[in-house]
Amino acid sequence: MVMERRENRSPQDEAARILVEFLEVAITSILFLKGIYPSGAFERRRYMNVVVQRARHPQLRDYIHSAVSGLLPFIQKGLVERVAVIFFNVDDNIPIERFIFKLAVNQSYGSKVEEAALEFSLRSFLIKLPVSETLTKALPRDCRWEITAYFRRLPDASSSKDTEVWIPTDAKQWQKPPVISPIKSMTSEPLCLQLYLEHPSLSEPSS
């Protein structure tokens, strides 16, 4: 039965499933990298044959899991353009740093997904992330973070209860184009994925 269900998945469904699982691990890795929680809040696990971090606290783990798994139907349909992990100043709610996963799922791709090739490509992101720390900025002691999704177009709220998970963000935006630092990119049909950092421009007006 399991084999039949997997064979009945579309290439877009299969790629989205693998991507959502990867995003859960990658976002946890970003939180560990940024040191926003004590190192004891994480435990080592192996994923895609890479040593990664897993959140120990059930609420943190559940927040990350529910956020990215809630995106699954929208990623499958090609509606999600970017998934961001954003760190903010608590005082003014202005972003300090954004980790951006820019994605595209080829809706016209009809062949079988080469799962091993896709996972190998995604694995390289998990290897690259820990060594990208030099590109990042130190966070202030008082900061917060959130997962934000950017949609190519808004899904129909009446057609899916999954839209209830997501609410409009009240975060302030930068007035100037950000400084972008690429980290990693890949293409493995039907998925294209880029990971890059965004920081405020030096000419960004101070609050």
C-alpha atoms as a PDB file:
ATOM      1  CA  MET A   1       0.000   0.000   0.000  1.00  0.00           C
ATOM      2  CA  VAL A   2       2.800   2.451   0.867  1.00  0.00           C
ATOM      3  CA  MET A   3       4.545   1.740  -2.435  1.00  0.00           C
ATOM      4  CA  GLU A   4       1.297   2.351  -4.315  1.00  0.00           C
ATOM      5  CA  ARG A   5       0.703   5.669  -2.594  1.00  0.00           C
ATOM      6  CA  ARG A   6       4.239   6.857  -3.390  1.00  0.00           C
ATOM      7  CA  GLU A   7       3.895   5.832  -7.027  1.00  0.00           C
ATOM      8  CA  ASN A   8       0.649   7.808  -7.258  1.00  0.00           C
ATOM      9  CA  ARG A   9       2.275  11.045  -6.100  1.00  0.00           C
ATOM     10  CA  SER A  10       2.935  13.666  -8.745  1.00  0.00           C
ATOM     11  CA  PRO A  11       6.543  14.865  -9.203  1.00  0.00           C
ATOM     12  CA  GLN A  12       5.500  18.167  -7.611  1.00  0.00           C
ATOM     13  CA  ASP A  13       4.024  16.409  -4.558  1.00  0.00           C
ATOM     14  CA  GLU A  14       7.127  14.279  -4.116  1.00  0.00           C
ATOM     15  CA  ALA A  15       9.554  17.186  -4.466  1.00  0.00           C
ATOM     16  CA  ALA A  16       7.486  19.331  -2.082  1.00  0.00           C
ATOM     17  CA  ARG A  17       7.420  16.550   0.516  1.00  0.00           C
ATOM     18  CA  ILE A  18      11.217  16.211   0.438  1.00  0.00           C
ATOM     19  CA  LEU A  19      11.669  19.995   0.494  1.00  0.00           C
ATOM     20  CA  VAL A  20       9.389  20.529   3.500  1.00  0.00           C
ATOM     21  CA  GLU A  21      11.254  17.884   5.478  1.00  0.00           C
ATOM     22  CA  PHE A  22      14.548  19.533   4.495  1.00  0.00           C
ATOM     23  CA  LEU A  23      13.314  23.027   5.457  1.00  0.00           C
ATOM     24  CA  GLU A  24      12.427  21.834   8.945  1.00  0.00           C
ATOM     25  CA  VAL A  25      15.999  20.631   9.443  1.00  0.00           C
ATOM     26  CA  ALA A  26      17.584  23.663   7.739  1.00  0.00           C
ATOM     27  CA  ILE A  27      15.614  26.200   9.796  1.00  0.00           C
ATOM     28  CA  THR A  28      16.617  24.424  13.002  1.00  0.00           C
ATOM     29  CA  SER A  29      20.236  24.531  11.793  1.00  0.00           C
ATOM     30  CA  ILE A  30      19.950  28.300  11.252  1.00  0.00           C
ATOM     31  CA  LEU A  31      18.676  28.836  14.810  1.00  0.00           C
ATOM     32  CA  PHE A  32      21.581  26.799  16.153  1.00  0.00           C
ATOM     33  CA  LEU A  33      24.031  28.722  13.968  1.00  0.00           C
ATOM     34  CA  LYS A  34      22.742  32.077  15.234  1.00  0.00           C
ATOM     35  CA  GLY A  35      22.956  31.069  18.886  1.00  0.00           C
ATOM     36  CA  ILE A  36      19.539  32.507  19.666  1.00  0.00           C
ATOM     37  CA  TYR A  37      19.031  29.646  22.147  1.00  0.00           C
ATOM     38  CA  PRO A  38      21.614  27.918  24.374  1.00  0.00           C
ATOM     39  CA  SER A  39      23.438  25.058  22.644  1.00  0.00           C
ATOM     40  CA  GLY A  40      21.845  22.698  25.165  1.00  0.00           C
ATOM     41  CA  ALA A  41      18.474  23.407  23.545  1.00  0.00           C
ATOM     42  CA  PHE A  42      19.579  21.229  20.620  1.00  0.00           C
ATOM     43  CA  GLU A  43      20.736  17.673  20.163  1.00  0.00           C
ATOM     44  CA  ARG A  44      22.769  16.106  17.379  1.00  0.00           C
ATOM     45  CA  ARG A  45      21.020  13.939  14.828  1.00  0.00           C
ATOM     46  CA  ARG A  46      21.915  12.532  11.429  1.00  0.00           C
ATOM     47  CA  TYR A  47      19.875  13.541   8.389  1.00  0.00           C
ATOM     48  CA  MET A  48      20.780  12.852   4.750  1.00  0.00           C
ATOM     49  CA  ASN A  49      24.019  11.425   6.172  1.00  0.00           C
ATOM     50  CA  VAL A  50      24.939  14.825   7.639  1.00  0.00           C
ATOM     51  CA  VAL A  51      25.162  15.622  11.356  1.00  0.00           C
ATOM     52  CA  VAL A  52      22.481  18.247  12.069  1.00  0.00           C
ATOM     53  CA  GLN A  53      20.796  19.793  15.096  1.00  0.00           C
ATOM     54  CA  ARG A  54      17.326  18.954  16.401  1.00  0.00           C
ATOM     55  CA  ALA A  55      15.433  21.168  18.829  1.00  0.00           C
ATOM     56  CA  ARG A  56      14.930  19.522  22.213  1.00  0.00           C
ATOM     57  CA  HIS A  57      12.050  21.751  23.336  1.00  0.00           C
ATOM     58  CA  PRO A  58       8.698  20.386  22.098  1.00  0.00           C
ATOM     59  CA  GLN A  59       7.158  23.850  21.562  1.00  0.00           C
ATOM     60  CA  LEU A  60      10.069  25.043  19.419  1.00  0.00           C
ATOM     61  CA  ARG A  61      10.115  21.803  17.466  1.00  0.00           C
ATOM     62  CA  ASP A  62       6.344  21.914  16.949  1.00  0.00           C
ATOM     63  CA  TYR A  63       6.383  25.551  15.798  1.00  0.00           C
ATOM     64  CA  ILE A  64       8.979  24.843  13.107  1.00  0.00           C
ATOM     65  CA  HIS A  65       7.253  21.630  12.059  1.00  0.00           C
ATOM     66  CA  SER A  66       3.755  23.122  11.862  1.00  0.00           C
ATOM     67  CA  ALA A  67       4.971  26.198   9.978  1.00  0.00           C
ATOM     68  CA  VAL A  68       6.801  24.351   7.212  1.00  0.00           C
ATOM     69  CA  SER A  69       4.382  21.426   6.966  1.00  0.00           C
ATOM     70  CA  GLY A  70       1.562  23.963   6.628  1.00  0.00           C
ATOM     71  CA  LEU A  71       3.265  25.172   3.447  1.00  0.00           C
ATOM     72  CA  LEU A  72       3.215  21.745   1.800  1.00  0.00           C
ATOM     73  CA  PRO A  73       0.013  22.125  -0.278  1.00  0.00           C
ATOM     74  CA  PHE A  74       1.076  25.584  -1.453  1.00  0.00           C
ATOM     75  CA  ILE A  75       4.587  24.455  -2.426  1.00  0.00           C
ATOM     76  CA  GLN A  76       3.053  21.574  -4.361  1.00  0.00           C
ATOM     77  CA  LYS A  77       0.971  24.054  -6.376  1.00  0.00           C
ATOM     78  CA  GLY A  78       3.909  26.401  -6.982  1.00  0.00           C
ATOM     79  CA  LEU A  79       2.371  29.227  -4.931  1.00  0.00           C
ATOM     80  CA  VAL A  80       5.293  29.758  -2.529  1.00  0.00           C
ATOM     81  CA  GLU A  81       8.124  31.933  -3.810  1.00  0.00           C
ATOM     82  CA  ARG A  82      10.246  32.342  -0.677  1.00  0.00           C
ATOM     83  CA  VAL A  83      10.492  31.030   2.869  1.00  0.00           C
ATOM     84  CA  ALA A  84      12.405  33.295   5.232  1.00  0.00           C
ATOM     85  CA  VAL A  85      13.845  33.028   8.724  1.00  0.00           C
ATOM     86  CA  ILE A  86      13.887  36.612   9.957  1.00  0.00           C
ATOM     87  CA  PHE A  87      15.622  38.005  13.041  1.00  0.00           C
ATOM     88  CA  PHE A  88      14.321  41.280  14.483  1.00  0.00           C
ATOM     89  CA  ASN A  89      15.166  43.967  16.977  1.00  0.00           C
ATOM     90  CA  VAL A  90      12.557  43.643  19.720  1.00  0.00           C
ATOM     91  CA  ASP A  91      12.376  47.411  20.240  1.00  0.00           C
ATOM     92  CA  ASP A  92      11.444  48.517  16.741  1.00  0.00           C
ATOM     93  CA  ASN A  93      10.362  45.277  14.995  1.00  0.00           C
ATOM     94  CA  ILE A  94      12.777  45.991  12.131  1.00  0.00           C
ATOM     95  CA  PRO A  95      14.629  43.030  10.575  1.00  0.00           C
ATOM     96  CA  ILE A  96      18.317  42.667  11.376  1.00  0.00           C
ATOM     97  CA  GLU A  97      18.957  39.683   9.132  1.00  0.00           C
ATOM     98  CA  ARG A  98      16.984  37.414   6.823  1.00  0.00           C
ATOM     99  CA  PHE A  99      17.841  33.909   5.651  1.00  0.00           C
ATOM    100  CA  ILE A 100      15.903  33.447   2.402  1.00  0.00           C
ATOM    101  CA  PHE A 101      15.050  30.151   0.727  1.00  0.00           C
ATOM    102  CA  LYS A 102      13.876  31.085  -2.773  1.00  0.00           C
ATOM    103  CA  LEU A 103      12.169  28.169  -4.460  1.00  0.00           C
ATOM    104  CA  ALA A 104      10.403  27.153  -7.625  1.00  0.00           C
ATOM    105  CA  VAL A 105       8.645  23.876  -8.346  1.00  0.00           C
ATOM    106  CA  ASN A 106       8.323  23.222 -12.072  1.00  0.00           C
ATOM    107  CA  GLN A 107       4.599  22.617 -12.566  1.00  0.00           C
ATOM    108  CA  SER A 108       5.066  21.236 -16.087  1.00  0.00           C
ATOM    109  CA  TYR A 109       7.614  18.569 -15.098  1.00  0.00           C
ATOM    110  CA  GLY A 110       6.072  15.145 -15.603  1.00  0.00           C
ATOM    111  CA  SER A 111       8.890  12.627 -15.135  1.00  0.00           C
ATOM    112  CA  LYS A 112       9.739  10.618 -12.049  1.00  0.00           C
ATOM    113  CA  VAL A 113      11.589  12.513  -9.318  1.00  0.00           C
ATOM    114  CA  GLU A 114      15.117  11.211  -8.832  1.00  0.00           C
ATOM    115  CA  GLU A 115      14.861  11.246  -5.053  1.00  0.00           C
ATOM    116  CA  ALA A 116      18.523  10.353  -4.439  1.00  0.00           C
ATOM    117  CA  ALA A 117      19.719  13.181  -6.707  1.00  0.00           C
ATOM    118  CA  LEU A 118      17.351  15.682  -5.100  1.00  0.00           C
ATOM    119  CA  GLU A 119      18.408  14.721  -1.579  1.00  0.00           C
ATOM    120  CA  PHE A 120      22.084  14.875  -2.571  1.00  0.00           C
ATOM    121  CA  SER A 121      21.595  18.437  -3.827  1.00  0.00           C
ATOM    122  CA  LEU A 122      19.746  19.484  -0.668  1.00  0.00           C
ATOM    123  CA  ARG A 123      22.385  17.833   1.494  1.00  0.00           C
ATOM    124  CA  SER A 124      24.938  20.335   0.172  1.00  0.00           C
ATOM    125  CA  PHE A 125      22.940  23.163   1.787  1.00  0.00           C
ATOM    126  CA  LEU A 126      23.248  21.523   5.209  1.00  0.00           C
ATOM    127  CA  ILE A 127      27.005  21.200   4.703  1.00  0.00           C
ATOM    128  CA  LYS A 128      27.320  24.814   3.548  1.00  0.00           C
ATOM    129  CA  LEU A 129      25.232  26.401   6.308  1.00  0.00           C
ATOM    130  CA  PRO A 130      27.647  25.950   9.249  1.00  0.00           C
ATOM    131  CA  VAL A 131      30.547  27.496   7.308  1.00  0.00           C
ATOM    132  CA  SER A 132      28.461  30.522   6.281  1.00  0.00           C
ATOM    133  CA  GLU A 133      28.618  32.024   9.775  1.00  0.00           C
ATOM    134  CA  THR A 134      31.199  34.613   8.652  1.00  0.00           C
ATOM    135  CA  LEU A 135      28.530  36.107   6.345  1.00  0.00           C
ATOM    136  CA  THR A 136      26.087  36.638   9.192  1.00  0.00           C
ATOM    137  CA  LYS A 137      25.713  39.435  11.715  1.00  0.00           C
ATOM    138  CA  ALA A 138      25.875  39.156  15.487  1.00  0.00           C
ATOM    139  CA  LEU A 139      22.432  39.423  17.044  1.00  0.00           C
ATOM    140  CA  PRO A 140      21.620  41.692  19.976  1.00  0.00           C
ATOM    141  CA  ARG A 141      20.703  40.022  23.245  1.00  0.00           C
ATOM    142  CA  ASP A 142      17.080  41.087  22.933  1.00  0.00           C
ATOM    143  CA  CYS A 143      15.828  39.858  19.585  1.00  0.00           C
ATOM    144  CA  ARG A 144      13.092  37.670  18.209  1.00  0.00           C
ATOM    145  CA  TRP A 145      12.623  35.596  15.086  1.00  0.00           C
ATOM    146  CA  GLU A 146       9.863  34.244  12.887  1.00  0.00           C
ATOM    147  CA  ILE A 147       9.252  32.108   9.821  1.00  0.00           C
ATOM    148  CA  THR A 148       7.655  34.109   7.004  1.00  0.00           C
ATOM    149  CA  ALA A 149       6.399  32.780   3.671  1.00  0.00           C
ATOM    150  CA  TYR A 150       6.070  34.948   0.554  1.00  0.00           C
ATOM    151  CA  PHE A 151       3.455  33.791  -1.933  1.00  0.00           C
ATOM    152  CA  ARG A 152       3.432  34.369  -5.693  1.00  0.00           C
ATOM    153  CA  ARG A 153      -0.298  34.903  -5.298  1.00  0.00           C
ATOM    154  CA  LEU A 154      -2.545  34.528  -2.300  1.00  0.00           C
ATOM    155  CA  PRO A 155      -4.253  31.140  -2.006  1.00  0.00           C
ATOM    156  CA  ASP A 156      -8.036  31.025  -1.890  1.00  0.00           C
ATOM    157  CA  ALA A 157      -8.884  31.006   1.818  1.00  0.00           C
ATOM    158  CA  SER A 158     -12.273  29.431   1.176  1.00  0.00           C
ATOM    159  CA  SER A 159     -10.819  26.431  -0.651  1.00  0.00           C
ATOM    160  CA  SER A 160      -8.335  25.219   1.941  1.00  0.00           C
ATOM    161  CA  LYS A 161      -8.208  25.170   5.730  1.00  0.00           C
ATOM    162  CA  ASP A 162      -4.373  25.201   5.424  1.00  0.00           C
ATOM    163  CA  THR A 163      -4.519  28.959   4.855  1.00  0.00           C
ATOM    164  CA  GLU A 164      -5.696  29.398   8.451  1.00  0.00           C
ATOM    165  CA  VAL A 165      -2.204  28.533   9.706  1.00  0.00           C
ATOM    166  CA  TRP A 166      -0.734  31.650   8.100  1.00  0.00           C
ATOM    167  CA  ILE A 167      -1.482  35.253   9.098  1.00  0.00           C
ATOM    168  CA  PRO A 168      -0.178  38.504   7.560  1.00  0.00           C
ATOM    169  CA  THR A 169       3.090  39.613   9.148  1.00  0.00           C
ATOM    170  CA  ASP A 170       3.259  42.955  10.954  1.00  0.00           C
ATOM    171  CA  ALA A 171       7.027  43.184  10.555  1.00  0.00           C
ATOM    172  CA  LYS A 172       8.420  46.433   9.211  1.00  0.00           C
ATOM    173  CA  GLN A 173      10.274  46.348   5.893  1.00  0.00           C
ATOM    174  CA  TRP A 174      13.547  47.952   4.846  1.00  0.00           C
ATOM    175  CA  GLN A 175      13.167  51.125   2.806  1.00  0.00           C
ATOM    176  CA  LYS A 176      16.273  50.460   0.685  1.00  0.00           C
ATOM    177  CA  PRO A 177      17.160  47.324  -1.333  1.00  0.00           C
ATOM    178  CA  PRO A 178      19.002  44.873   0.943  1.00  0.00           C
ATOM    179  CA  VAL A 179      22.586  43.674   0.702  1.00  0.00           C
ATOM    180  CA  ILE A 180      22.453  40.080  -0.566  1.00  0.00           C
ATOM    181  CA  SER A 181      25.028  37.378   0.228  1.00  0.00           C
ATOM    182  CA  PRO A 182      24.533  34.105  -1.699  1.00  0.00           C
ATOM    183  CA  ILE A 183      25.088  30.889   0.244  1.00  0.00           C
ATOM    184  CA  LYS A 184      23.999  28.013  -2.022  1.00  0.00           C
ATOM    185  CA  SER A 185      21.823  27.220  -5.028  1.00  0.00           C
ATOM    186  CA  MET A 186      20.737  24.065  -6.807  1.00  0.00           C
ATOM    187  CA  THR A 187      18.518  22.705  -9.553  1.00  0.00           C
ATOM    188  CA  SER A 188      17.247  19.141  -9.498  1.00  0.00           C
ATOM    189  CA  GLU A 189      14.003  18.758 -11.429  1.00  0.00           C
ATOM    190  CA  PRO A 190      11.355  19.685 -10.606  1.00  0.00           C
ATOM    191  CA  LEU A 191      12.909  21.866  -7.861  1.00  0.00           C
ATOM    192  CA  CYS A 192      15.087  24.977  -7.998  1.00  0.00           C
ATOM    193  CA  LEU A 193      16.301  26.346  -4.678  1.00  0.00           C
ATOM    194  CA  GLN A 194      18.489  29.256  -3.623  1.00  0.00           C
ATOM    195  CA  LEU A 195      19.623  30.185  -0.126  1.00  0.00           C
ATOM    196  CA  TYR A 196      20.949  33.654   0.537  1.00  0.00           C
ATOM    197  CA  LEU A 197      21.283  36.224   3.312  1.00  0.00           C
ATOM    198  CA  GLU A 198      19.762  39.684   3.321  1.00  0.00           C
ATOM    199  CA  HIS A 199      21.042  42.564   5.444  1.00  0.00           C
ATOM    200  CA  PRO A 200      19.922  46.201   5.528  1.00  0.00           C
ATOM    201  CA  SER A 201      21.762  48.551   3.206  1.00  0.00           C
ATOM    202  CA  LEU A 202      24.360  50.853   4.756  1.00  0.00           C
ATOM    203  CA  SER A 203      22.184  53.717   3.527  1.00  0.00           C
ATOM    204  CA  GLU A 204      19.099  52.332   5.269  1.00  0.00           C
ATOM    205  CA  PRO A 205      17.534  55.097   7.402  1.00  0.00           C
ATOM    206  CA  SER A 206      17.823  54.444  11.126  1.00  0.00           C
ATOM    207  CA  SER A 207      14.579  54.196  13.048  1.00  0.00           C
END
